[in-house]
Amino acid sequence: MYSRAKQVLTICLPALIAGMLLSACENDLKKVKEISQNQINMDVDTIHVVNIIFSDSARVKFTINAPLLLQHTGKKQYNVMPNGVHINIYDKNLSQIGTLTADTGIQREDENRIEFHKNVVARNAKGETFKSDELIWDQTSKLMHSNKAVQITMANGDIMNGIGFQSDQTLAHWTITKSTGIFNVTDAPTQ
């Protein structure tokens, strides 16, 4: 009886293990095929030294300059500027009223917005400088915002910090939430 059980185990146990291994390989092969198919469907065009002009009613609104643009043309189309991005913002008279730079920019065409990440620095016509690790430019609502820490340095040297920021796209009218700051105060004359 013992030898019969040993025979059954000797035959069945390797067959069971082989069946488990083969079924596990099939699942992995399906995943590999799926990933490969996704890679085939993901087309990326590489463009070096990019200069894009955005206009409305034949008036230049802003320009985007980047050393590299990766244009993803798959199901969700978007552009990535991984090596830095510089934007000039213009008024109706084509006078430059602001700049924006960041280490990375992502333009999501289907959502009509541009995301800026890492070392975002923006300047407006008043000489105010905005610094953050993130800034989202919603081109439909013509607003810029961030939910991350932001520092604003005024033209007179005052510094305001906060978590959360919203502005129009020219950075002229802005609000900051959860704010703290360093303000220069001059003594008022005594009477």
N, C-alpha and C. Protein backbone atom coordinates (compact mmCIF):
# COMPACT_ATOMS: atom_id res chain seq x y z
N MET A 1 0.82 -1.19 0.00
CA MET A 1 0.00 0.00 0.00
C MET A 1 0.86 1.25 0.00
N TYR A 2 1.95 1.19 0.76
CA TYR A 2 2.84 2.33 0.82
C TYR A 2 3.51 2.56 -0.53
N SER A 3 3.91 1.50 -1.20
CA SER A 3 4.56 1.65 -2.50
C SER A 3 3.58 2.14 -3.56
N ARG A 4 2.31 1.77 -3.45
CA ARG A 4 1.28 2.23 -4.39
C ARG A 4 1.06 3.74 -4.23
N ALA A 5 1.00 4.22 -3.00
CA ALA A 5 0.85 5.65 -2.74
C ALA A 5 2.07 6.42 -3.23
N LYS A 6 3.24 5.80 -3.04
CA LYS A 6 4.47 6.43 -3.49
C LYS A 6 4.48 6.53 -5.01
N GLN A 7 3.97 5.50 -5.70
CA GLN A 7 3.89 5.52 -7.16
C GLN A 7 2.95 6.63 -7.64
N VAL A 8 1.80 6.75 -6.99
CA VAL A 8 0.83 7.78 -7.37
C VAL A 8 1.43 9.17 -7.17
N LEU A 9 2.09 9.38 -6.04
CA LEU A 9 2.72 10.67 -5.78
C LEU A 9 3.84 10.95 -6.77
N THR A 10 4.60 9.94 -7.12
CA THR A 10 5.71 10.11 -8.05
C THR A 10 5.21 10.53 -9.43
N ILE A 11 4.06 10.04 -9.83
CA ILE A 11 3.51 10.38 -11.15
C ILE A 11 2.67 11.66 -11.09
N CYS A 12 1.80 11.76 -10.11
CA CYS A 12 0.84 12.88 -10.05
C CYS A 12 1.48 14.20 -9.64
N LEU A 13 2.41 14.16 -8.68
CA LEU A 13 3.01 15.40 -8.18
C LEU A 13 3.77 16.15 -9.28
N PRO A 14 4.64 15.50 -10.07
CA PRO A 14 5.29 16.25 -11.16
C PRO A 14 4.30 16.74 -12.21
N ALA A 15 3.27 15.94 -12.50
CA ALA A 15 2.26 16.37 -13.47
C ALA A 15 1.52 17.60 -12.97
N LEU A 16 1.18 17.62 -11.68
CA LEU A 16 0.49 18.76 -11.08
C LEU A 16 1.37 20.02 -11.12
N ILE A 17 2.64 19.88 -10.76
CA ILE A 17 3.56 21.02 -10.77
C ILE A 17 3.75 21.55 -12.19
N ALA A 18 3.92 20.64 -13.16
CA ALA A 18 4.08 21.05 -14.55
C ALA A 18 2.83 21.79 -15.05
N GLY A 19 1.66 21.30 -14.68
CA GLY A 19 0.41 21.98 -15.08
C GLY A 19 0.32 23.37 -14.50
N MET A 20 0.72 23.53 -13.24
CA MET A 20 0.69 24.85 -12.61
C MET A 20 1.68 25.80 -13.29
N LEU A 21 2.87 25.31 -13.59
CA LEU A 21 3.87 26.16 -14.23
C LEU A 21 3.43 26.59 -15.63
N LEU A 22 2.86 25.65 -16.37
CA LEU A 22 2.42 25.99 -17.72
C LEU A 22 1.27 26.99 -17.71
N SER A 23 0.35 26.85 -16.78
CA SER A 23 -0.76 27.81 -16.72
C SER A 23 -0.26 29.18 -16.27
N ALA A 24 0.72 29.22 -15.38
CA ALA A 24 1.29 30.49 -14.94
C ALA A 24 2.01 31.17 -16.10
N CYS A 25 2.70 30.41 -16.92
CA CYS A 25 3.39 30.98 -18.08
C CYS A 25 2.40 31.57 -19.08
N GLU A 26 1.27 30.93 -19.24
CA GLU A 26 0.27 31.42 -20.19
C GLU A 26 -0.25 32.79 -19.76
N ASN A 27 -0.49 32.96 -18.45
CA ASN A 27 -0.94 34.27 -17.98
C ASN A 27 0.12 35.33 -18.23
N ASP A 28 1.37 35.00 -17.97
CA ASP A 28 2.44 35.97 -18.20
C ASP A 28 2.56 36.29 -19.69
N LEU A 29 2.41 35.30 -20.54
CA LEU A 29 2.48 35.55 -21.98
C LEU A 29 1.36 36.48 -22.44
N LYS A 30 0.17 36.32 -21.86
CA LYS A 30 -0.93 37.22 -22.20
C LYS A 30 -0.60 38.65 -21.81
N LYS A 31 -0.01 38.82 -20.62
CA LYS A 31 0.36 40.15 -20.17
C LYS A 31 1.45 40.75 -21.07
N VAL A 32 2.41 39.92 -21.44
CA VAL A 32 3.48 40.39 -22.33
C VAL A 32 2.91 40.84 -23.67
N LYS A 33 1.98 40.07 -24.22
CA LYS A 33 1.36 40.44 -25.49
C LYS A 33 0.59 41.75 -25.36
N GLU A 34 -0.12 41.92 -24.24
CA GLU A 34 -0.90 43.14 -24.01
C GLU A 34 0.03 44.36 -23.91
N ILE A 35 1.10 44.21 -23.16
CA ILE A 35 2.05 45.32 -23.01
C ILE A 35 2.70 45.64 -24.35
N SER A 36 3.07 44.60 -25.10
CA SER A 36 3.67 44.82 -26.42
C SER A 36 2.71 45.54 -27.35
N GLN A 37 1.44 45.17 -27.31
CA GLN A 37 0.44 45.82 -28.16
C GLN A 37 0.28 47.29 -27.78
N ASN A 38 0.31 47.58 -26.46
CA ASN A 38 0.22 48.98 -26.02
C ASN A 38 1.42 49.77 -26.51
N GLN A 39 2.61 49.16 -26.50
CA GLN A 39 3.80 49.84 -26.98
C GLN A 39 3.71 50.12 -28.48
N ILE A 40 3.14 49.19 -29.23
CA ILE A 40 2.98 49.39 -30.67
C ILE A 40 2.02 50.54 -30.94
N ASN A 41 0.93 50.62 -30.13
CA ASN A 41 -0.07 51.67 -30.33
C ASN A 41 0.41 53.04 -29.88
N MET A 42 1.51 53.10 -29.10
CA MET A 42 1.99 54.36 -28.58
C MET A 42 3.04 54.93 -29.53
N ASP A 43 2.63 55.86 -30.35
CA ASP A 43 3.54 56.51 -31.28
C ASP A 43 4.04 57.79 -30.65
N VAL A 44 5.34 58.00 -30.71
CA VAL A 44 5.95 59.21 -30.16
C VAL A 44 6.81 59.83 -31.25
N ASP A 45 6.50 61.07 -31.58
CA ASP A 45 7.32 61.83 -32.52
C ASP A 45 8.25 62.73 -31.71
N THR A 46 9.50 62.78 -32.08
CA THR A 46 10.49 63.59 -31.39
C THR A 46 10.80 64.82 -32.24
N ILE A 47 10.67 65.99 -31.63
CA ILE A 47 10.92 67.24 -32.34
C ILE A 47 11.95 68.02 -31.52
N HIS A 48 13.03 68.45 -32.17
CA HIS A 48 14.08 69.21 -31.50
C HIS A 48 13.93 70.69 -31.81
N VAL A 49 14.24 71.53 -30.84
CA VAL A 49 14.19 72.99 -30.93
C VAL A 49 12.82 73.44 -31.44
N VAL A 50 11.90 73.56 -30.50
CA VAL A 50 10.50 73.87 -30.81
C VAL A 50 10.20 75.33 -30.49
N ASN A 51 9.54 76.01 -31.42
CA ASN A 51 9.04 77.37 -31.23
C ASN A 51 7.59 77.37 -31.70
N ILE A 52 6.65 77.51 -30.75
CA ILE A 52 5.22 77.48 -31.07
C ILE A 52 4.63 78.84 -30.76
N ILE A 53 3.84 79.37 -31.69
CA ILE A 53 3.16 80.66 -31.50
C ILE A 53 1.67 80.40 -31.37
N PHE A 54 1.08 80.85 -30.25
CA PHE A 54 -0.37 80.74 -30.05
C PHE A 54 -0.98 82.11 -30.25
N SER A 55 -2.01 82.16 -31.10
CA SER A 55 -2.66 83.43 -31.37
C SER A 55 -4.17 83.27 -31.30
N ASP A 56 -4.84 84.40 -31.13
CA ASP A 56 -6.30 84.44 -31.12
C ASP A 56 -6.70 85.67 -31.93
N SER A 57 -7.52 85.47 -32.94
CA SER A 57 -7.95 86.56 -33.83
C SER A 57 -6.75 87.29 -34.42
N ALA A 58 -5.77 86.54 -34.86
CA ALA A 58 -4.55 87.05 -35.50
C ALA A 58 -3.67 87.87 -34.57
N ARG A 59 -3.85 87.73 -33.26
CA ARG A 59 -3.01 88.41 -32.28
C ARG A 59 -2.24 87.36 -31.49
N VAL A 60 -0.94 87.53 -31.41
CA VAL A 60 -0.10 86.60 -30.66
C VAL A 60 -0.42 86.75 -29.18
N LYS A 61 -0.74 85.63 -28.54
CA LYS A 61 -1.04 85.62 -27.10
C LYS A 61 0.18 85.17 -26.30
N PHE A 62 0.83 84.10 -26.77
CA PHE A 62 2.04 83.63 -26.12
C PHE A 62 2.83 82.75 -27.06
N THR A 63 4.11 82.59 -26.74
CA THR A 63 4.98 81.70 -27.50
C THR A 63 5.57 80.67 -26.55
N ILE A 64 5.78 79.47 -27.06
CA ILE A 64 6.40 78.39 -26.28
C ILE A 64 7.69 78.00 -26.99
N ASN A 65 8.76 77.94 -26.23
CA ASN A 65 10.06 77.51 -26.75
C ASN A 65 10.56 76.36 -25.89
N ALA A 66 11.03 75.30 -26.53
CA ALA A 66 11.55 74.14 -25.81
C ALA A 66 12.63 73.47 -26.65
N PRO A 67 13.67 72.95 -26.01
CA PRO A 67 14.71 72.27 -26.77
C PRO A 67 14.27 70.91 -27.32
N LEU A 68 13.26 70.30 -26.68
CA LEU A 68 12.80 68.98 -27.10
C LEU A 68 11.31 68.85 -26.82
N LEU A 69 10.58 68.31 -27.79
CA LEU A 69 9.14 68.05 -27.63
C LEU A 69 8.89 66.60 -28.05
N LEU A 70 8.27 65.84 -27.15
CA LEU A 70 7.86 64.47 -27.46
C LEU A 70 6.36 64.50 -27.68
N GLN A 71 5.95 64.25 -28.91
CA GLN A 71 4.54 64.33 -29.28
C GLN A 71 3.95 62.93 -29.29
N HIS A 72 3.13 62.64 -28.27
CA HIS A 72 2.48 61.33 -28.14
C HIS A 72 1.20 61.35 -28.95
N THR A 73 1.10 60.45 -29.92
CA THR A 73 -0.03 60.47 -30.85
C THR A 73 -0.90 59.22 -30.71
N GLY A 74 -0.90 58.60 -29.54
CA GLY A 74 -1.72 57.42 -29.32
C GLY A 74 -3.17 57.80 -29.07
N LYS A 75 -3.86 56.99 -28.26
CA LYS A 75 -5.27 57.25 -27.97
C LYS A 75 -5.46 58.61 -27.32
N LYS A 76 -4.64 58.91 -26.30
CA LYS A 76 -4.68 60.22 -25.67
C LYS A 76 -3.48 61.01 -26.17
N GLN A 77 -3.74 62.05 -26.92
CA GLN A 77 -2.66 62.83 -27.50
C GLN A 77 -2.21 63.90 -26.52
N TYR A 78 -0.90 63.98 -26.33
CA TYR A 78 -0.33 65.01 -25.48
C TYR A 78 1.13 65.22 -25.88
N ASN A 79 1.66 66.36 -25.49
CA ASN A 79 3.04 66.72 -25.80
C ASN A 79 3.80 66.89 -24.49
N VAL A 80 5.02 66.37 -24.45
CA VAL A 80 5.87 66.51 -23.27
C VAL A 80 7.12 67.27 -23.67
N MET A 81 7.46 68.25 -22.85
CA MET A 81 8.70 69.00 -23.04
C MET A 81 9.59 68.67 -21.84
N PRO A 82 10.36 67.56 -21.93
CA PRO A 82 11.08 67.05 -20.76
C PRO A 82 12.37 67.79 -20.42
N ASN A 83 12.90 68.57 -21.33
CA ASN A 83 14.19 69.24 -21.11
C ASN A 83 14.04 70.74 -20.88
N GLY A 84 12.89 71.15 -20.40
CA GLY A 84 12.67 72.55 -20.11
C GLY A 84 11.72 73.21 -21.10
N VAL A 85 11.09 74.28 -20.63
CA VAL A 85 10.14 75.03 -21.45
C VAL A 85 10.20 76.50 -21.02
N HIS A 86 10.09 77.38 -22.00
CA HIS A 86 10.07 78.83 -21.75
C HIS A 86 8.90 79.42 -22.51
N ILE A 87 8.09 80.22 -21.80
CA ILE A 87 6.91 80.84 -22.42
C ILE A 87 7.00 82.35 -22.26
N ASN A 88 6.69 83.06 -23.33
CA ASN A 88 6.55 84.51 -23.29
C ASN A 88 5.07 84.82 -23.46
N ILE A 89 4.54 85.70 -22.60
CA ILE A 89 3.12 86.08 -22.65
C ILE A 89 3.04 87.53 -23.13
N TYR A 90 2.13 87.79 -24.07
CA TYR A 90 2.03 89.11 -24.70
C TYR A 90 0.64 89.72 -24.49
N ASP A 91 0.59 91.07 -24.50
CA ASP A 91 -0.69 91.76 -24.45
C ASP A 91 -1.17 92.02 -25.88
N LYS A 92 -2.27 92.77 -26.01
CA LYS A 92 -2.85 93.00 -27.35
C LYS A 92 -1.96 93.86 -28.24
N ASN A 93 -1.02 94.61 -27.66
CA ASN A 93 -0.09 95.44 -28.44
C ASN A 93 1.21 94.70 -28.75
N LEU A 94 1.25 93.42 -28.47
CA LEU A 94 2.41 92.56 -28.67
C LEU A 94 3.59 92.95 -27.77
N SER A 95 3.28 93.57 -26.63
CA SER A 95 4.30 93.85 -25.63
C SER A 95 4.36 92.66 -24.69
N GLN A 96 5.58 92.24 -24.35
CA GLN A 96 5.73 91.10 -23.45
C GLN A 96 5.32 91.52 -22.05
N ILE A 97 4.36 90.79 -21.47
CA ILE A 97 3.86 91.12 -20.13
C ILE A 97 4.15 90.03 -19.11
N GLY A 98 4.81 88.97 -19.54
CA GLY A 98 5.13 87.91 -18.59
C GLY A 98 5.97 86.82 -19.21
N THR A 99 6.62 86.06 -18.33
CA THR A 99 7.39 84.90 -18.76
C THR A 99 7.10 83.75 -17.81
N LEU A 100 7.35 82.55 -18.28
CA LEU A 100 7.18 81.37 -17.45
C LEU A 100 8.21 80.34 -17.90
N THR A 101 8.95 79.78 -16.96
CA THR A 101 9.90 78.71 -17.26
C THR A 101 9.66 77.56 -16.31
N ALA A 102 9.98 76.35 -16.77
CA ALA A 102 9.85 75.15 -15.94
C ALA A 102 10.77 74.08 -16.49
N ASP A 103 11.12 73.12 -15.64
CA ASP A 103 11.95 72.00 -16.08
C ASP A 103 11.20 71.08 -17.03
N THR A 104 9.88 70.94 -16.82
CA THR A 104 9.06 70.04 -17.63
C THR A 104 7.72 70.69 -17.93
N GLY A 105 7.24 70.49 -19.14
CA GLY A 105 5.91 70.95 -19.52
C GLY A 105 5.15 69.83 -20.20
N ILE A 106 3.86 69.72 -19.89
CA ILE A 106 3.00 68.71 -20.53
C ILE A 106 1.77 69.43 -21.06
N GLN A 107 1.61 69.39 -22.37
CA GLN A 107 0.44 70.01 -23.01
C GLN A 107 -0.57 68.92 -23.31
N ARG A 108 -1.73 69.00 -22.68
CA ARG A 108 -2.81 68.03 -22.89
C ARG A 108 -3.84 68.68 -23.80
N GLU A 109 -3.77 68.35 -25.07
CA GLU A 109 -4.61 69.01 -26.07
C GLU A 109 -6.09 68.71 -25.87
N ASP A 110 -6.44 67.48 -25.48
CA ASP A 110 -7.85 67.13 -25.31
C ASP A 110 -8.47 67.84 -24.11
N GLU A 111 -7.66 68.23 -23.13
CA GLU A 111 -8.16 68.96 -21.95
C GLU A 111 -7.90 70.46 -22.06
N ASN A 112 -7.22 70.88 -23.11
CA ASN A 112 -6.90 72.29 -23.36
C ASN A 112 -6.18 72.92 -22.16
N ARG A 113 -5.13 72.22 -21.70
CA ARG A 113 -4.35 72.75 -20.58
C ARG A 113 -2.89 72.37 -20.73
N ILE A 114 -2.05 73.14 -20.04
CA ILE A 114 -0.62 72.87 -20.00
C ILE A 114 -0.22 72.76 -18.54
N GLU A 115 0.51 71.70 -18.21
CA GLU A 115 1.01 71.49 -16.85
C GLU A 115 2.51 71.79 -16.84
N PHE A 116 2.95 72.51 -15.83
CA PHE A 116 4.37 72.80 -15.66
C PHE A 116 4.81 72.17 -14.35
N HIS A 117 5.97 71.49 -14.38
CA HIS A 117 6.46 70.80 -13.19
C HIS A 117 7.94 71.10 -12.97
N LYS A 118 8.32 71.13 -11.73
CA LYS A 118 9.70 71.30 -11.26
C LYS A 118 10.26 72.67 -11.62
N ASN A 119 10.67 73.39 -10.60
CA ASN A 119 11.31 74.70 -10.76
C ASN A 119 10.53 75.64 -11.67
N VAL A 120 9.25 75.78 -11.38
CA VAL A 120 8.40 76.68 -12.16
C VAL A 120 8.64 78.11 -11.67
N VAL A 121 9.00 78.99 -12.58
CA VAL A 121 9.21 80.40 -12.25
C VAL A 121 8.45 81.23 -13.27
N ALA A 122 7.57 82.10 -12.77
CA ALA A 122 6.78 82.97 -13.65
C ALA A 122 6.93 84.41 -13.19
N ARG A 123 6.96 85.33 -14.15
CA ARG A 123 7.05 86.76 -13.83
C ARG A 123 5.95 87.49 -14.58
N ASN A 124 5.35 88.48 -13.91
CA ASN A 124 4.30 89.25 -14.57
C ASN A 124 4.79 90.66 -14.89
N ALA A 125 3.93 91.47 -15.46
CA ALA A 125 4.29 92.82 -15.89
C ALA A 125 4.62 93.74 -14.72
N LYS A 126 4.10 93.43 -13.51
CA LYS A 126 4.37 94.25 -12.33
C LYS A 126 5.72 93.94 -11.70
N GLY A 127 6.43 92.93 -12.22
CA GLY A 127 7.72 92.55 -11.65
C GLY A 127 7.60 91.53 -10.53
N GLU A 128 6.43 90.96 -10.34
CA GLU A 128 6.24 89.94 -9.32
C GLU A 128 6.72 88.59 -9.86
N THR A 129 7.39 87.82 -9.00
CA THR A 129 7.93 86.52 -9.40
C THR A 129 7.23 85.43 -8.60
N PHE A 130 6.73 84.43 -9.31
CA PHE A 130 6.03 83.29 -8.73
C PHE A 130 6.92 82.07 -8.85
N LYS A 131 7.11 81.33 -7.75
CA LYS A 131 7.90 80.10 -7.78
C LYS A 131 7.09 78.97 -7.17
N SER A 132 7.13 77.81 -7.82
CA SER A 132 6.42 76.63 -7.33
C SER A 132 6.99 75.40 -8.02
N ASP A 133 6.57 74.22 -7.58
CA ASP A 133 6.95 72.98 -8.26
C ASP A 133 5.88 72.54 -9.24
N GLU A 134 4.76 73.28 -9.28
CA GLU A 134 3.69 72.90 -10.20
C GLU A 134 2.85 74.14 -10.53
N LEU A 135 2.45 74.22 -11.78
CA LEU A 135 1.51 75.26 -12.20
C LEU A 135 0.69 74.68 -13.34
N ILE A 136 -0.63 74.77 -13.24
CA ILE A 136 -1.53 74.26 -14.26
C ILE A 136 -2.17 75.46 -14.96
N TRP A 137 -2.07 75.49 -16.28
CA TRP A 137 -2.65 76.57 -17.08
C TRP A 137 -3.84 76.00 -17.83
N ASP A 138 -5.04 76.36 -17.39
CA ASP A 138 -6.27 75.93 -18.05
C ASP A 138 -6.60 76.97 -19.12
N GLN A 139 -6.41 76.60 -20.37
CA GLN A 139 -6.58 77.56 -21.46
C GLN A 139 -8.05 77.81 -21.78
N THR A 140 -8.94 76.93 -21.37
CA THR A 140 -10.37 77.16 -21.58
C THR A 140 -10.88 78.25 -20.66
N SER A 141 -10.57 78.14 -19.36
CA SER A 141 -11.02 79.14 -18.39
C SER A 141 -10.06 80.34 -18.33
N LYS A 142 -8.90 80.23 -18.99
CA LYS A 142 -7.88 81.28 -18.99
C LYS A 142 -7.38 81.57 -17.58
N LEU A 143 -7.24 80.49 -16.78
CA LEU A 143 -6.75 80.61 -15.41
C LEU A 143 -5.53 79.73 -15.21
N MET A 144 -4.67 80.16 -14.29
CA MET A 144 -3.53 79.36 -13.85
C MET A 144 -3.76 79.04 -12.38
N HIS A 145 -3.38 77.82 -11.96
CA HIS A 145 -3.54 77.46 -10.56
C HIS A 145 -2.52 76.41 -10.14
N SER A 146 -2.37 76.28 -8.83
CA SER A 146 -1.51 75.25 -8.25
C SER A 146 -2.06 74.90 -6.88
N ASN A 147 -1.95 73.63 -6.52
CA ASN A 147 -2.32 73.20 -5.17
C ASN A 147 -1.08 72.94 -4.33
N LYS A 148 0.08 73.22 -4.86
CA LYS A 148 1.34 73.00 -4.17
C LYS A 148 1.82 74.30 -3.54
N ALA A 149 2.95 74.21 -2.83
CA ALA A 149 3.54 75.39 -2.21
C ALA A 149 3.95 76.39 -3.29
N VAL A 150 3.72 77.66 -3.00
CA VAL A 150 4.07 78.72 -3.94
C VAL A 150 4.71 79.87 -3.16
N GLN A 151 5.68 80.52 -3.79
CA GLN A 151 6.31 81.70 -3.20
C GLN A 151 6.20 82.83 -4.21
N ILE A 152 5.73 83.98 -3.75
CA ILE A 152 5.60 85.15 -4.62
C ILE A 152 6.48 86.25 -4.04
N THR A 153 7.38 86.75 -4.86
CA THR A 153 8.23 87.87 -4.47
C THR A 153 7.74 89.10 -5.21
N MET A 154 7.33 90.10 -4.44
CA MET A 154 6.80 91.34 -5.03
C MET A 154 7.96 92.20 -5.55
N ALA A 155 7.65 93.18 -6.36
CA ALA A 155 8.66 94.07 -6.93
C ALA A 155 9.41 94.84 -5.84
N ASN A 156 8.76 95.11 -4.69
CA ASN A 156 9.40 95.85 -3.61
C ASN A 156 10.19 94.96 -2.65
N GLY A 157 10.23 93.65 -2.92
CA GLY A 157 11.00 92.73 -2.08
C GLY A 157 10.17 91.95 -1.08
N ASP A 158 8.91 92.31 -0.89
CA ASP A 158 8.05 91.54 0.00
C ASP A 158 7.91 90.12 -0.53
N ILE A 159 7.86 89.16 0.39
CA ILE A 159 7.75 87.75 0.00
C ILE A 159 6.51 87.16 0.64
N MET A 160 5.71 86.48 -0.16
CA MET A 160 4.51 85.81 0.34
C MET A 160 4.60 84.33 -0.02
N ASN A 161 4.34 83.46 0.96
CA ASN A 161 4.34 82.02 0.76
C ASN A 161 2.94 81.49 1.01
N GLY A 162 2.62 80.38 0.39
CA GLY A 162 1.32 79.78 0.63
C GLY A 162 1.21 78.41 -0.01
N ILE A 163 0.12 77.76 0.30
CA ILE A 163 -0.21 76.47 -0.32
C ILE A 163 -1.49 76.73 -1.11
N GLY A 164 -1.39 76.68 -2.42
CA GLY A 164 -2.54 76.95 -3.27
C GLY A 164 -2.47 78.34 -3.86
N PHE A 165 -2.78 78.42 -5.14
CA PHE A 165 -2.62 79.66 -5.88
C PHE A 165 -3.57 79.64 -7.06
N GLN A 166 -4.13 80.81 -7.40
CA GLN A 166 -4.95 80.94 -8.61
C GLN A 166 -4.74 82.33 -9.19
N SER A 167 -4.74 82.40 -10.52
CA SER A 167 -4.51 83.67 -11.20
C SER A 167 -5.13 83.65 -12.59
N ASP A 168 -5.29 84.85 -13.16
CA ASP A 168 -5.62 84.91 -14.58
C ASP A 168 -4.36 84.52 -15.35
N GLN A 169 -4.48 84.33 -16.65
CA GLN A 169 -3.34 83.82 -17.41
C GLN A 169 -2.23 84.84 -17.63
N THR A 170 -2.46 86.10 -17.29
CA THR A 170 -1.39 87.10 -17.37
C THR A 170 -0.68 87.27 -16.03
N LEU A 171 -1.15 86.58 -15.00
CA LEU A 171 -0.61 86.64 -13.64
C LEU A 171 -0.78 88.02 -13.01
N ALA A 172 -1.70 88.82 -13.52
CA ALA A 172 -1.92 90.16 -13.00
C ALA A 172 -2.81 90.16 -11.76
N HIS A 173 -3.82 89.31 -11.74
CA HIS A 173 -4.78 89.25 -10.63
C HIS A 173 -4.72 87.86 -10.03
N TRP A 174 -4.12 87.73 -8.85
CA TRP A 174 -3.90 86.43 -8.26
C TRP A 174 -4.37 86.38 -6.81
N THR A 175 -4.63 85.18 -6.36
CA THR A 175 -4.95 84.93 -4.95
C THR A 175 -4.09 83.76 -4.49
N ILE A 176 -3.75 83.79 -3.22
CA ILE A 176 -2.95 82.73 -2.63
C ILE A 176 -3.65 82.29 -1.35
N THR A 177 -3.67 80.99 -1.09
CA THR A 177 -4.34 80.48 0.11
C THR A 177 -3.31 79.99 1.11
N LYS A 178 -3.74 79.89 2.35
CA LYS A 178 -2.86 79.46 3.45
C LYS A 178 -1.55 80.22 3.40
N SER A 179 -1.65 81.53 3.43
CA SER A 179 -0.48 82.37 3.17
C SER A 179 0.23 82.82 4.44
N THR A 180 1.53 82.99 4.30
CA THR A 180 2.39 83.64 5.29
C THR A 180 3.30 84.55 4.49
N GLY A 181 4.00 85.45 5.16
CA GLY A 181 4.85 86.32 4.36
C GLY A 181 5.82 87.14 5.16
N ILE A 182 6.74 87.74 4.44
CA ILE A 182 7.71 88.68 4.99
C ILE A 182 7.48 89.99 4.26
N PHE A 183 7.10 91.02 5.03
CA PHE A 183 6.77 92.30 4.42
C PHE A 183 7.66 93.39 4.99
N ASN A 184 8.16 94.22 4.11
CA ASN A 184 8.97 95.37 4.52
C ASN A 184 8.03 96.46 5.00
N VAL A 185 8.28 96.96 6.21
CA VAL A 185 7.43 98.00 6.78
C VAL A 185 8.31 99.22 7.06
N THR A 186 7.89 100.35 6.56
CA THR A 186 8.62 101.58 6.85
C THR A 186 7.92 102.28 8.01
N ASP A 187 8.70 102.92 8.83
CA ASP A 187 8.12 103.63 9.97
C ASP A 187 7.30 104.81 9.47
N ALA A 188 6.13 104.95 10.04
CA ALA A 188 5.28 106.09 9.71
C ALA A 188 5.80 107.31 10.47
N PRO A 189 5.75 108.48 9.87
CA PRO A 189 6.23 109.67 10.57
C PRO A 189 5.36 109.95 11.80
N THR A 190 5.99 110.37 12.88
CA THR A 190 5.26 110.70 14.10
C THR A 190 4.88 112.17 14.09
N GLN A 191 3.79 112.47 14.75
CA GLN A 191 3.32 113.86 14.75
C GLN A 191 3.45 114.49 16.07
